[in-house]
């Protein structure tokens, strides 16, 4: 009898876990969400509108702390850079799941009237000629920055200051006319962005406990955060048009981009994007796919080789 009942009981336990997770996600408690660097009020509003919960509580934390809080159940989910998850002791936690929200490029922030503003990309030689603010070793962006400067091949860059966040870096760019590397969503209105010809980037991940967030909530979160990212990208001078011109680098945002129209003719071939009012294509499978937390080495390799943090208000 035991041999017959044990498999049935194991199945009942699995169903019970699903029932508990579903109930936890839909009852009228607070949904707790963590974010790195800083959190604008509009992000909380977007989450509150999208989730079937009574209240949403957002919290700004360091990526390491946010990951640990999700793992312990203090947060339901968090948005963190992939490089931070790769380095976290929680990365191999069985109950921790993650998926890519967007792969964000790394550009250079310059004073709004700098002579390099407006050009297509900054070359390694031009990067080496600038005065820099860089990130402290314990900041999540440091390894990404370090890898890009290693690709430039210059160790004698002039560094004025080491910062502990994107907004501090942007203040130095504005006030002392320095340069700083940043994801586009790290800039403030007083500075301008220029792409870097030595491409680097970072994954921005949604991280959650699989036993406390249902599939429905996970899908709502992912869709909301990607839509929010696109809305923010439109506020950064030149960035949204750049995203549209390089859709292959933003596969996760495919369903939010204007549809491509194939056209050809003598000497002409390739994709063209129609106007923003033409609707959206169906999202690709990768746009909604869920990935369990990968091994640390694999996650780190993807995080620093692929092209963190949607923000709207300054």
C-alpha atoms as a PDB file:
ATOM      1  CA  UNK A   1       0.000   0.000   0.000  1.00  0.00           C
ATOM      2  CA  UNK A   2       2.867   2.369   0.833  1.00  0.00           C
ATOM      3  CA  UNK A   3       4.395   1.830  -2.586  1.00  0.00           C
ATOM      4  CA  UNK A   4       1.074   2.792  -4.172  1.00  0.00           C
ATOM      5  CA  UNK A   5       0.319   5.749  -1.897  1.00  0.00           C
ATOM      6  CA  UNK A   6       3.720   7.482  -1.784  1.00  0.00           C
ATOM      7  CA  UNK A   7       3.691   8.564  -5.467  1.00  0.00           C
ATOM      8  CA  UNK A   8       0.129   9.833  -5.052  1.00  0.00           C
ATOM      9  CA  UNK A   9       1.033  11.761  -1.900  1.00  0.00           C
ATOM     10  CA  UNK A  10       4.075  13.276  -3.642  1.00  0.00           C
ATOM     11  CA  UNK A  11       1.806  14.495  -6.417  1.00  0.00           C
ATOM     12  CA  UNK A  12      -0.577  15.984  -3.842  1.00  0.00           C
ATOM     13  CA  UNK A  13       2.313  17.885  -2.241  1.00  0.00           C
ATOM     14  CA  UNK A  14       3.280  19.348  -5.618  1.00  0.00           C
ATOM     15  CA  UNK A  15      -0.297  20.471  -6.235  1.00  0.00           C
ATOM     16  CA  UNK A  16      -0.449  21.960  -2.735  1.00  0.00           C
ATOM     17  CA  UNK A  17       2.682  24.033  -3.443  1.00  0.00           C
ATOM     18  CA  UNK A  18       1.053  25.380  -6.613  1.00  0.00           C
ATOM     19  CA  UNK A  19      -2.144  26.238  -4.735  1.00  0.00           C
ATOM     20  CA  UNK A  20      -0.187  28.091  -2.038  1.00  0.00           C
ATOM     21  CA  UNK A  21       1.838  30.029  -4.611  1.00  0.00           C
ATOM     22  CA  UNK A  22      -1.302  30.966  -6.549  1.00  0.00           C
ATOM     23  CA  UNK A  23      -3.075  32.143  -3.410  1.00  0.00           C
ATOM     24  CA  UNK A  24      -0.045  34.123  -2.221  1.00  0.00           C
ATOM     25  CA  UNK A  25       0.153  35.984  -5.511  1.00  0.00           C
ATOM     26  CA  UNK A  26      -3.530  36.903  -5.736  1.00  0.00           C
ATOM     27  CA  UNK A  27      -4.625  37.742  -2.228  1.00  0.00           C
ATOM     28  CA  UNK A  28      -4.831  41.351  -1.179  1.00  0.00           C
ATOM     29  CA  UNK A  29      -1.410  41.586   0.457  1.00  0.00           C
ATOM     30  CA  UNK A  30       1.440  43.865  -0.529  1.00  0.00           C
ATOM     31  CA  UNK A  31       3.558  42.755  -3.485  1.00  0.00           C
ATOM     32  CA  UNK A  32       7.167  43.646  -2.646  1.00  0.00           C
ATOM     33  CA  UNK A  33       9.512  44.524  -5.513  1.00  0.00           C
ATOM     34  CA  UNK A  34      13.204  45.444  -5.372  1.00  0.00           C
ATOM     35  CA  UNK A  35      15.231  47.544  -7.784  1.00  0.00           C
ATOM     36  CA  UNK A  36      18.878  48.573  -8.083  1.00  0.00           C
ATOM     37  CA  UNK A  37      20.356  52.108  -8.149  1.00  0.00           C
ATOM     38  CA  UNK A  38      17.084  54.024  -7.664  1.00  0.00           C
ATOM     39  CA  UNK A  39      13.345  53.578  -8.215  1.00  0.00           C
ATOM     40  CA  UNK A  40      11.088  56.232  -9.773  1.00  0.00           C
ATOM     41  CA  UNK A  41       7.462  56.546  -8.635  1.00  0.00           C
ATOM     42  CA  UNK A  42       6.261  55.744 -12.147  1.00  0.00           C
ATOM     43  CA  UNK A  43       7.735  52.235 -11.917  1.00  0.00           C
ATOM     44  CA  UNK A  44       5.666  51.515  -8.831  1.00  0.00           C
ATOM     45  CA  UNK A  45       2.572  52.907 -10.583  1.00  0.00           C
ATOM     46  CA  UNK A  46       3.159  50.678 -13.608  1.00  0.00           C
ATOM     47  CA  UNK A  47       3.519  47.587 -11.430  1.00  0.00           C
ATOM     48  CA  UNK A  48       0.449  48.453  -9.366  1.00  0.00           C
ATOM     49  CA  UNK A  49      -1.668  48.821 -12.522  1.00  0.00           C
ATOM     50  CA  UNK A  50      -0.504  45.491 -13.917  1.00  0.00           C
ATOM     51  CA  UNK A  51      -0.689  43.201 -10.894  1.00  0.00           C
ATOM     52  CA  UNK A  52      -3.872  41.765  -9.299  1.00  0.00           C
ATOM     53  CA  UNK A  53      -2.839  42.823  -5.794  1.00  0.00           C
ATOM     54  CA  UNK A  54      -4.082  45.447  -3.387  1.00  0.00           C
ATOM     55  CA  UNK A  55      -0.774  47.265  -2.957  1.00  0.00           C
ATOM     56  CA  UNK A  56       2.750  47.330  -4.406  1.00  0.00           C
ATOM     57  CA  UNK A  57       5.722  48.230  -2.256  1.00  0.00           C
ATOM     58  CA  UNK A  58       8.993  49.067  -4.016  1.00  0.00           C
ATOM     59  CA  UNK A  59      12.428  49.229  -2.437  1.00  0.00           C
ATOM     60  CA  UNK A  60      15.790  50.427  -3.763  1.00  0.00           C
ATOM     61  CA  UNK A  61      18.608  48.090  -2.776  1.00  0.00           C
ATOM     62  CA  UNK A  62      22.032  47.073  -3.913  1.00  0.00           C
ATOM     63  CA  UNK A  63      21.760  44.198  -6.411  1.00  0.00           C
ATOM     64  CA  UNK A  64      23.353  41.734  -3.974  1.00  0.00           C
ATOM     65  CA  UNK A  65      20.922  42.667  -1.228  1.00  0.00           C
ATOM     66  CA  UNK A  66      17.942  42.521  -3.598  1.00  0.00           C
ATOM     67  CA  UNK A  67      18.891  39.006  -4.728  1.00  0.00           C
ATOM     68  CA  UNK A  68      19.340  37.863  -1.127  1.00  0.00           C
ATOM     69  CA  UNK A  69      15.985  39.377  -0.126  1.00  0.00           C
ATOM     70  CA  UNK A  70      14.215  37.571  -2.973  1.00  0.00           C
ATOM     71  CA  UNK A  71      15.900  34.316  -2.009  1.00  0.00           C
ATOM     72  CA  UNK A  72      14.767  34.691   1.617  1.00  0.00           C
ATOM     73  CA  UNK A  73      11.222  35.647   0.666  1.00  0.00           C
ATOM     74  CA  UNK A  74      11.445  39.243   1.923  1.00  0.00           C
ATOM     75  CA  UNK A  75      10.812  40.398  -1.671  1.00  0.00           C
ATOM     76  CA  UNK A  76       8.574  38.703  -4.211  1.00  0.00           C
ATOM     77  CA  UNK A  77      10.752  39.758  -7.149  1.00  0.00           C
ATOM     78  CA  UNK A  78      13.511  42.187  -8.121  1.00  0.00           C
ATOM     79  CA  UNK A  79      15.119  43.761 -11.168  1.00  0.00           C
ATOM     80  CA  UNK A  80      18.904  43.304 -11.045  1.00  0.00           C
ATOM     81  CA  UNK A  81      21.889  43.337 -13.427  1.00  0.00           C
ATOM     82  CA  UNK A  82      22.907  39.904 -14.609  1.00  0.00           C
ATOM     83  CA  UNK A  83      26.521  40.361 -13.519  1.00  0.00           C
ATOM     84  CA  UNK A  84      25.312  40.755  -9.930  1.00  0.00           C
ATOM     85  CA  UNK A  85      23.304  37.520 -10.035  1.00  0.00           C
ATOM     86  CA  UNK A  86      26.300  35.680 -11.467  1.00  0.00           C
ATOM     87  CA  UNK A  87      28.470  36.801  -8.571  1.00  0.00           C
ATOM     88  CA  UNK A  88      25.829  36.184  -5.903  1.00  0.00           C
ATOM     89  CA  UNK A  89      25.935  33.261  -3.517  1.00  0.00           C
ATOM     90  CA  UNK A  90      22.184  32.967  -4.126  1.00  0.00           C
ATOM     91  CA  UNK A  91      22.613  32.306  -7.868  1.00  0.00           C
ATOM     92  CA  UNK A  92      22.364  28.516  -7.480  1.00  0.00           C
ATOM     93  CA  UNK A  93      19.395  28.675  -5.093  1.00  0.00           C
ATOM     94  CA  UNK A  94      16.976  26.031  -6.480  1.00  0.00           C
ATOM     95  CA  UNK A  95      13.881  28.159  -5.834  1.00  0.00           C
ATOM     96  CA  UNK A  96      15.384  31.229  -7.554  1.00  0.00           C
ATOM     97  CA  UNK A  97      14.404  31.824 -11.178  1.00  0.00           C
ATOM     98  CA  UNK A  98      15.401  34.574 -13.605  1.00  0.00           C
ATOM     99  CA  UNK A  99      14.803  35.788 -17.122  1.00  0.00           C
ATOM    100  CA  UNK A 100      16.218  38.631 -19.216  1.00  0.00           C
ATOM    101  CA  UNK A 101      14.156  41.817 -19.336  1.00  0.00           C
ATOM    102  CA  UNK A 102      16.443  43.585 -21.806  1.00  0.00           C
ATOM    103  CA  UNK A 103      20.067  43.523 -22.913  1.00  0.00           C
ATOM    104  CA  UNK A 104      21.268  47.054 -22.442  1.00  0.00           C
ATOM    105  CA  UNK A 105      24.302  48.588 -24.188  1.00  0.00           C
ATOM    106  CA  UNK A 106      27.066  50.509 -22.417  1.00  0.00           C
ATOM    107  CA  UNK A 107      27.638  54.020 -23.782  1.00  0.00           C
ATOM    108  CA  UNK A 108      29.680  57.024 -22.736  1.00  0.00           C
ATOM    109  CA  UNK A 109      28.074  60.012 -20.996  1.00  0.00           C
ATOM    110  CA  UNK A 110      29.488  63.422 -21.890  1.00  0.00           C
ATOM    111  CA  UNK A 111      28.649  67.084 -21.197  1.00  0.00           C
ATOM    112  CA  UNK A 112      25.785  68.207 -23.429  1.00  0.00           C
ATOM    113  CA  UNK A 113      28.049  70.529 -25.477  1.00  0.00           C
ATOM    114  CA  UNK A 114      31.045  68.181 -25.791  1.00  0.00           C
ATOM    115  CA  UNK A 115      32.560  68.021 -29.277  1.00  0.00           C
ATOM    116  CA  UNK A 116      32.021  64.234 -29.462  1.00  0.00           C
ATOM    117  CA  UNK A 117      28.274  64.512 -28.883  1.00  0.00           C
ATOM    118  CA  UNK A 118      26.377  63.741 -32.062  1.00  0.00           C
ATOM    119  CA  UNK A 119      28.890  61.458 -33.717  1.00  0.00           C
ATOM    120  CA  UNK A 120      27.957  57.889 -34.557  1.00  0.00           C
ATOM    121  CA  UNK A 121      30.295  56.230 -32.020  1.00  0.00           C
ATOM    122  CA  UNK A 122      33.312  56.990 -29.872  1.00  0.00           C
ATOM    123  CA  UNK A 123      36.484  55.143 -30.899  1.00  0.00           C
ATOM    124  CA  UNK A 124      39.033  53.604 -28.478  1.00  0.00           C
ATOM    125  CA  UNK A 125      41.488  56.417 -29.245  1.00  0.00           C
ATOM    126  CA  UNK A 126      38.856  59.015 -28.391  1.00  0.00           C
ATOM    127  CA  UNK A 127      37.965  57.185 -25.162  1.00  0.00           C
ATOM    128  CA  UNK A 128      41.616  57.279 -24.142  1.00  0.00           C
ATOM    129  CA  UNK A 129      41.722  61.061 -24.601  1.00  0.00           C
ATOM    130  CA  UNK A 130      38.932  61.768 -22.092  1.00  0.00           C
ATOM    131  CA  UNK A 131      39.045  62.506 -18.352  1.00  0.00           C
ATOM    132  CA  UNK A 132      37.013  59.902 -16.483  1.00  0.00           C
ATOM    133  CA  UNK A 133      34.942  59.154 -13.451  1.00  0.00           C
ATOM    134  CA  UNK A 134      34.901  55.419 -12.802  1.00  0.00           C
ATOM    135  CA  UNK A 135      33.041  53.056 -10.466  1.00  0.00           C
ATOM    136  CA  UNK A 136      34.287  51.673  -7.168  1.00  0.00           C
ATOM    137  CA  UNK A 137      35.337  48.037  -7.081  1.00  0.00           C
ATOM    138  CA  UNK A 138      32.316  46.979  -5.026  1.00  0.00           C
ATOM    139  CA  UNK A 139      29.797  48.530  -7.436  1.00  0.00           C
ATOM    140  CA  UNK A 140      28.027  46.064  -9.738  1.00  0.00           C
ATOM    141  CA  UNK A 141      28.988  48.080 -12.851  1.00  0.00           C
ATOM    142  CA  UNK A 142      32.740  47.863 -12.148  1.00  0.00           C
ATOM    143  CA  UNK A 143      33.448  44.520 -13.923  1.00  0.00           C
ATOM    144  CA  UNK A 144      31.563  45.681 -17.031  1.00  0.00           C
ATOM    145  CA  UNK A 145      33.484  48.951 -17.082  1.00  0.00           C
ATOM    146  CA  UNK A 146      36.748  47.096 -16.466  1.00  0.00           C
ATOM    147  CA  UNK A 147      36.153  44.762 -19.398  1.00  0.00           C
ATOM    148  CA  UNK A 148      35.424  47.622 -21.785  1.00  0.00           C
ATOM    149  CA  UNK A 149      38.547  49.538 -20.790  1.00  0.00           C
ATOM    150  CA  UNK A 150      40.559  46.318 -21.180  1.00  0.00           C
ATOM    151  CA  UNK A 151      39.236  46.076 -24.738  1.00  0.00           C
ATOM    152  CA  UNK A 152      40.411  49.651 -25.347  1.00  0.00           C
ATOM    153  CA  UNK A 153      43.868  48.518 -24.243  1.00  0.00           C
ATOM    154  CA  UNK A 154      44.765  51.586 -22.190  1.00  0.00           C
ATOM    155  CA  UNK A 155      45.682  51.489 -18.520  1.00  0.00           C
ATOM    156  CA  UNK A 156      46.804  55.121 -18.262  1.00  0.00           C
ATOM    157  CA  UNK A 157      43.397  56.816 -18.442  1.00  0.00           C
ATOM    158  CA  UNK A 158      43.029  59.973 -16.380  1.00  0.00           C
ATOM    159  CA  UNK A 159      40.597  59.229 -13.539  1.00  0.00           C
ATOM    160  CA  UNK A 160      39.265  62.125 -11.477  1.00  0.00           C
ATOM    161  CA  UNK A 161      37.019  60.238  -9.065  1.00  0.00           C
ATOM    162  CA  UNK A 162      35.527  56.820  -8.261  1.00  0.00           C
ATOM    163  CA  UNK A 163      31.742  56.905  -7.851  1.00  0.00           C
ATOM    164  CA  UNK A 164      29.245  54.579  -6.189  1.00  0.00           C
ATOM    165  CA  UNK A 165      26.332  55.031  -8.552  1.00  0.00           C
ATOM    166  CA  UNK A 166      25.190  56.288 -11.940  1.00  0.00           C
ATOM    167  CA  UNK A 167      23.638  59.502 -10.674  1.00  0.00           C
ATOM    168  CA  UNK A 168      26.804  60.509  -8.847  1.00  0.00           C
ATOM    169  CA  UNK A 169      28.730  59.800 -12.049  1.00  0.00           C
ATOM    170  CA  UNK A 170      26.372  61.998 -14.067  1.00  0.00           C
ATOM    171  CA  UNK A 171      26.884  64.879 -11.623  1.00  0.00           C
ATOM    172  CA  UNK A 172      30.631  64.681 -12.211  1.00  0.00           C
ATOM    173  CA  UNK A 173      30.077  64.595 -15.972  1.00  0.00           C
ATOM    174  CA  UNK A 174      27.925  67.709 -15.726  1.00  0.00           C
ATOM    175  CA  UNK A 175      29.971  69.700 -13.223  1.00  0.00           C
ATOM    176  CA  UNK A 176      33.601  68.953 -14.125  1.00  0.00           C
ATOM    177  CA  UNK A 177      33.120  67.937 -17.776  1.00  0.00           C
ATOM    178  CA  UNK A 178      34.325  64.388 -17.214  1.00  0.00           C
ATOM    179  CA  UNK A 179      33.249  61.255 -19.074  1.00  0.00           C
ATOM    180  CA  UNK A 180      31.579  58.174 -17.578  1.00  0.00           C
ATOM    181  CA  UNK A 181      30.453  54.830 -18.911  1.00  0.00           C
ATOM    182  CA  UNK A 182      26.809  54.014 -18.250  1.00  0.00           C
ATOM    183  CA  UNK A 183      23.836  52.071 -19.553  1.00  0.00           C
ATOM    184  CA  UNK A 184      21.492  54.531 -21.302  1.00  0.00           C
ATOM    185  CA  UNK A 185      18.997  54.348 -18.444  1.00  0.00           C
ATOM    186  CA  UNK A 186      21.656  55.620 -16.054  1.00  0.00           C
ATOM    187  CA  UNK A 187      21.884  59.126 -17.542  1.00  0.00           C
ATOM    188  CA  UNK A 188      20.316  62.359 -16.372  1.00  0.00           C
ATOM    189  CA  UNK A 189      18.928  65.138 -18.522  1.00  0.00           C
ATOM    190  CA  UNK A 190      21.961  67.395 -18.118  1.00  0.00           C
ATOM    191  CA  UNK A 191      24.300  65.054 -20.037  1.00  0.00           C
ATOM    192  CA  UNK A 192      24.339  63.353 -23.429  1.00  0.00           C
ATOM    193  CA  UNK A 193      25.085  59.816 -24.570  1.00  0.00           C
ATOM    194  CA  UNK A 194      27.295  58.577 -27.397  1.00  0.00           C
ATOM    195  CA  UNK A 195      27.572  54.897 -28.410  1.00  0.00           C
ATOM    196  CA  UNK A 196      30.936  53.183 -27.959  1.00  0.00           C
ATOM    197  CA  UNK A 197      32.499  51.367 -30.916  1.00  0.00           C
ATOM    198  CA  UNK A 198      33.983  48.731 -28.563  1.00  0.00           C
ATOM    199  CA  UNK A 199      30.651  47.110 -27.748  1.00  0.00           C
ATOM    200  CA  UNK A 200      29.929  46.015 -24.200  1.00  0.00           C
ATOM    201  CA  UNK A 201      26.650  45.621 -22.405  1.00  0.00           C
ATOM    202  CA  UNK A 202      24.751  43.980 -19.608  1.00  0.00           C
ATOM    203  CA  UNK A 203      21.663  41.848 -19.086  1.00  0.00           C
ATOM    204  CA  UNK A 204      18.953  43.313 -16.890  1.00  0.00           C
ATOM    205  CA  UNK A 205      17.164  40.417 -15.186  1.00  0.00           C
ATOM    206  CA  UNK A 206      13.878  39.802 -13.445  1.00  0.00           C
ATOM    207  CA  UNK A 207      14.550  37.519 -10.463  1.00  0.00           C
ATOM    208  CA  UNK A 208      11.886  35.804  -8.373  1.00  0.00           C
ATOM    209  CA  UNK A 209      11.227  32.782  -6.186  1.00  0.00           C
ATOM    210  CA  UNK A 210       9.412  30.181  -8.226  1.00  0.00           C
ATOM    211  CA  UNK A 211       7.473  29.012  -5.176  1.00  0.00           C
ATOM    212  CA  UNK A 212       6.026  32.447  -4.380  1.00  0.00           C
ATOM    213  CA  UNK A 213       5.287  33.967  -7.807  1.00  0.00           C
ATOM    214  CA  UNK A 214       2.876  32.285 -10.196  1.00  0.00           C
ATOM    215  CA  UNK A 215       3.445  31.978 -13.925  1.00  0.00           C
ATOM    216  CA  UNK A 216       0.702  34.529 -14.507  1.00  0.00           C
ATOM    217  CA  UNK A 217       2.331  37.106 -12.198  1.00  0.00           C
ATOM    218  CA  UNK A 218       5.746  36.436 -13.740  1.00  0.00           C
ATOM    219  CA  UNK A 219       4.373  37.081 -17.232  1.00  0.00           C
ATOM    220  CA  UNK A 220       2.643  40.270 -16.078  1.00  0.00           C
ATOM    221  CA  UNK A 221       5.842  41.500 -14.447  1.00  0.00           C
ATOM    222  CA  UNK A 222       7.962  40.780 -17.503  1.00  0.00           C
ATOM    223  CA  UNK A 223       5.537  42.456 -19.914  1.00  0.00           C
ATOM    224  CA  UNK A 224       5.155  45.483 -17.643  1.00  0.00           C
ATOM    225  CA  UNK A 225       8.894  45.971 -17.161  1.00  0.00           C
ATOM    226  CA  UNK A 226       9.640  45.669 -20.883  1.00  0.00           C
ATOM    227  CA  UNK A 227       6.884  48.112 -21.785  1.00  0.00           C
ATOM    228  CA  UNK A 228       8.138  50.464 -19.088  1.00  0.00           C
ATOM    229  CA  UNK A 229      11.687  50.233 -20.453  1.00  0.00           C
ATOM    230  CA  UNK A 230      10.483  51.196 -23.932  1.00  0.00           C
ATOM    231  CA  UNK A 231       8.551  54.152 -22.557  1.00  0.00           C
ATOM    232  CA  UNK A 232      11.661  55.332 -20.779  1.00  0.00           C
ATOM    233  CA  UNK A 233      13.890  54.804 -23.822  1.00  0.00           C
ATOM    234  CA  UNK A 234      11.743  57.333 -25.683  1.00  0.00           C
ATOM    235  CA  UNK A 235      12.730  60.008 -23.153  1.00  0.00           C
ATOM    236  CA  UNK A 236      16.490  59.649 -23.781  1.00  0.00           C
ATOM    237  CA  UNK A 237      17.635  61.814 -26.716  1.00  0.00           C
ATOM    238  CA  UNK A 238      18.604  59.576 -29.624  1.00  0.00           C
ATOM    239  CA  UNK A 239      18.208  56.277 -27.768  1.00  0.00           C
ATOM    240  CA  UNK A 240      14.775  55.114 -28.930  1.00  0.00           C
ATOM    241  CA  UNK A 241      15.621  55.754 -32.583  1.00  0.00           C
ATOM    242  CA  UNK A 242      18.854  53.812 -32.057  1.00  0.00           C
ATOM    243  CA  UNK A 243      16.900  50.889 -30.558  1.00  0.00           C
ATOM    244  CA  UNK A 244      14.588  50.858 -33.574  1.00  0.00           C
ATOM    245  CA  UNK A 245      17.541  50.872 -35.973  1.00  0.00           C
ATOM    246  CA  UNK A 246      19.176  47.931 -34.131  1.00  0.00           C
ATOM    247  CA  UNK A 247      16.270  45.585 -33.306  1.00  0.00           C
ATOM    248  CA  UNK A 248      18.457  42.474 -33.355  1.00  0.00           C
ATOM    249  CA  UNK A 249      20.211  43.761 -30.240  1.00  0.00           C
ATOM    250  CA  UNK A 250      16.881  44.074 -28.410  1.00  0.00           C
ATOM    251  CA  UNK A 251      15.186  40.759 -29.141  1.00  0.00           C
ATOM    252  CA  UNK A 252      13.377  40.802 -25.795  1.00  0.00           C
ATOM    253  CA  UNK A 253      11.623  44.052 -26.770  1.00  0.00           C
ATOM    254  CA  UNK A 254      10.462  42.767 -30.149  1.00  0.00           C
ATOM    255  CA  UNK A 255       6.732  42.948 -29.425  1.00  0.00           C
ATOM    256  CA  UNK A 256       7.055  46.600 -28.348  1.00  0.00           C
ATOM    257  CA  UNK A 257       8.975  47.812 -31.405  1.00  0.00           C
ATOM    258  CA  UNK A 258       7.376  49.016 -34.657  1.00  0.00           C
ATOM    259  CA  UNK A 259       7.020  46.100 -37.105  1.00  0.00           C
ATOM    260  CA  UNK A 260       9.704  45.606 -39.707  1.00  0.00           C
ATOM    261  CA  UNK A 261       8.650  45.718 -43.352  1.00  0.00           C
ATOM    262  CA  UNK A 262      10.782  43.807 -45.823  1.00  0.00           C
ATOM    263  CA  UNK A 263      11.417  45.680 -49.026  1.00  0.00           C
ATOM    264  CA  UNK A 264      13.736  45.261 -51.988  1.00  0.00           C
ATOM    265  CA  UNK A 265      14.515  46.350 -55.487  1.00  0.00           C
ATOM    266  CA  UNK A 266      17.562  46.978 -57.599  1.00  0.00           C
ATOM    267  CA  UNK A 267      20.437  47.628 -55.225  1.00  0.00           C
ATOM    268  CA  UNK A 268      18.123  47.797 -52.223  1.00  0.00           C
ATOM    269  CA  UNK A 269      17.452  45.077 -49.721  1.00  0.00           C
ATOM    270  CA  UNK A 270      16.937  44.841 -46.021  1.00  0.00           C
ATOM    271  CA  UNK A 271      14.475  45.640 -43.261  1.00  0.00           C
ATOM    272  CA  UNK A 272      12.690  48.926 -42.842  1.00  0.00           C
ATOM    273  CA  UNK A 273      10.647  49.964 -39.836  1.00  0.00           C
ATOM    274  CA  UNK A 274       7.186  51.364 -40.291  1.00  0.00           C
ATOM    275  CA  UNK A 275       5.792  54.177 -38.181  1.00  0.00           C
ATOM    276  CA  UNK A 276       5.042  53.700 -34.491  1.00  0.00           C
ATOM    277  CA  UNK A 277       1.308  53.633 -35.080  1.00  0.00           C
ATOM    278  CA  UNK A 278       1.378  50.531 -37.234  1.00  0.00           C
ATOM    279  CA  UNK A 279       0.950  48.075 -34.375  1.00  0.00           C
ATOM    280  CA  UNK A 280       3.187  45.391 -32.969  1.00  0.00           C
ATOM    281  CA  UNK A 281       4.333  41.968 -33.990  1.00  0.00           C
ATOM    282  CA  UNK A 282       3.711  38.921 -31.872  1.00  0.00           C
ATOM    283  CA  UNK A 283       6.457  38.528 -29.277  1.00  0.00           C
ATOM    284  CA  UNK A 284       9.109  35.931 -29.978  1.00  0.00           C
ATOM    285  CA  UNK A 285       9.460  32.902 -27.754  1.00  0.00           C
ATOM    286  CA  UNK A 286      12.526  34.418 -26.108  1.00  0.00           C
ATOM    287  CA  UNK A 287      10.538  37.487 -25.074  1.00  0.00           C
ATOM    288  CA  UNK A 288       8.448  35.501 -22.617  1.00  0.00           C
ATOM    289  CA  UNK A 289      10.719  32.581 -21.828  1.00  0.00           C
ATOM    290  CA  UNK A 290      11.642  31.774 -18.270  1.00  0.00           C
ATOM    291  CA  UNK A 291      15.108  30.614 -17.332  1.00  0.00           C
ATOM    292  CA  UNK A 292      16.179  29.066 -14.063  1.00  0.00           C
ATOM    293  CA  UNK A 293      19.228  30.721 -12.616  1.00  0.00           C
ATOM    294  CA  UNK A 294      22.151  29.492 -14.701  1.00  0.00           C
ATOM    295  CA  UNK A 295      25.519  28.438 -13.285  1.00  0.00           C
ATOM    296  CA  UNK A 296      27.609  31.409 -12.209  1.00  0.00           C
ATOM    297  CA  UNK A 297      30.238  31.149 -14.957  1.00  0.00           C
ATOM    298  CA  UNK A 298      27.611  30.941 -17.696  1.00  0.00           C
ATOM    299  CA  UNK A 299      25.561  33.830 -16.311  1.00  0.00           C
ATOM    300  CA  UNK A 300      28.638  36.041 -15.913  1.00  0.00           C
ATOM    301  CA  UNK A 301      29.781  35.329 -19.456  1.00  0.00           C
ATOM    302  CA  UNK A 302      26.371  36.305 -20.845  1.00  0.00           C
ATOM    303  CA  UNK A 303      26.040  39.332 -18.597  1.00  0.00           C
ATOM    304  CA  UNK A 304      29.258  41.031 -19.706  1.00  0.00           C
ATOM    305  CA  UNK A 305      29.214  40.022 -23.371  1.00  0.00           C
ATOM    306  CA  UNK A 306      25.652  40.825 -24.360  1.00  0.00           C
ATOM    307  CA  UNK A 307      24.282  44.300 -25.007  1.00  0.00           C
ATOM    308  CA  UNK A 308      20.099  48.010 -15.816  1.00  0.00           C
ATOM    309  CA  UNK A 309      17.617  49.686 -14.692  1.00  0.00           C
ATOM    310  CA  UNK A 310      14.568  51.387 -16.147  1.00  0.00           C
ATOM    311  CA  UNK A 311      14.097  54.892 -14.798  1.00  0.00           C
ATOM    312  CA  UNK A 312      11.762  57.699 -15.801  1.00  0.00           C
ATOM    313  CA  UNK A 313      11.923  60.625 -13.417  1.00  0.00           C
ATOM    314  CA  UNK A 314      15.214  62.327 -12.703  1.00  0.00           C
END
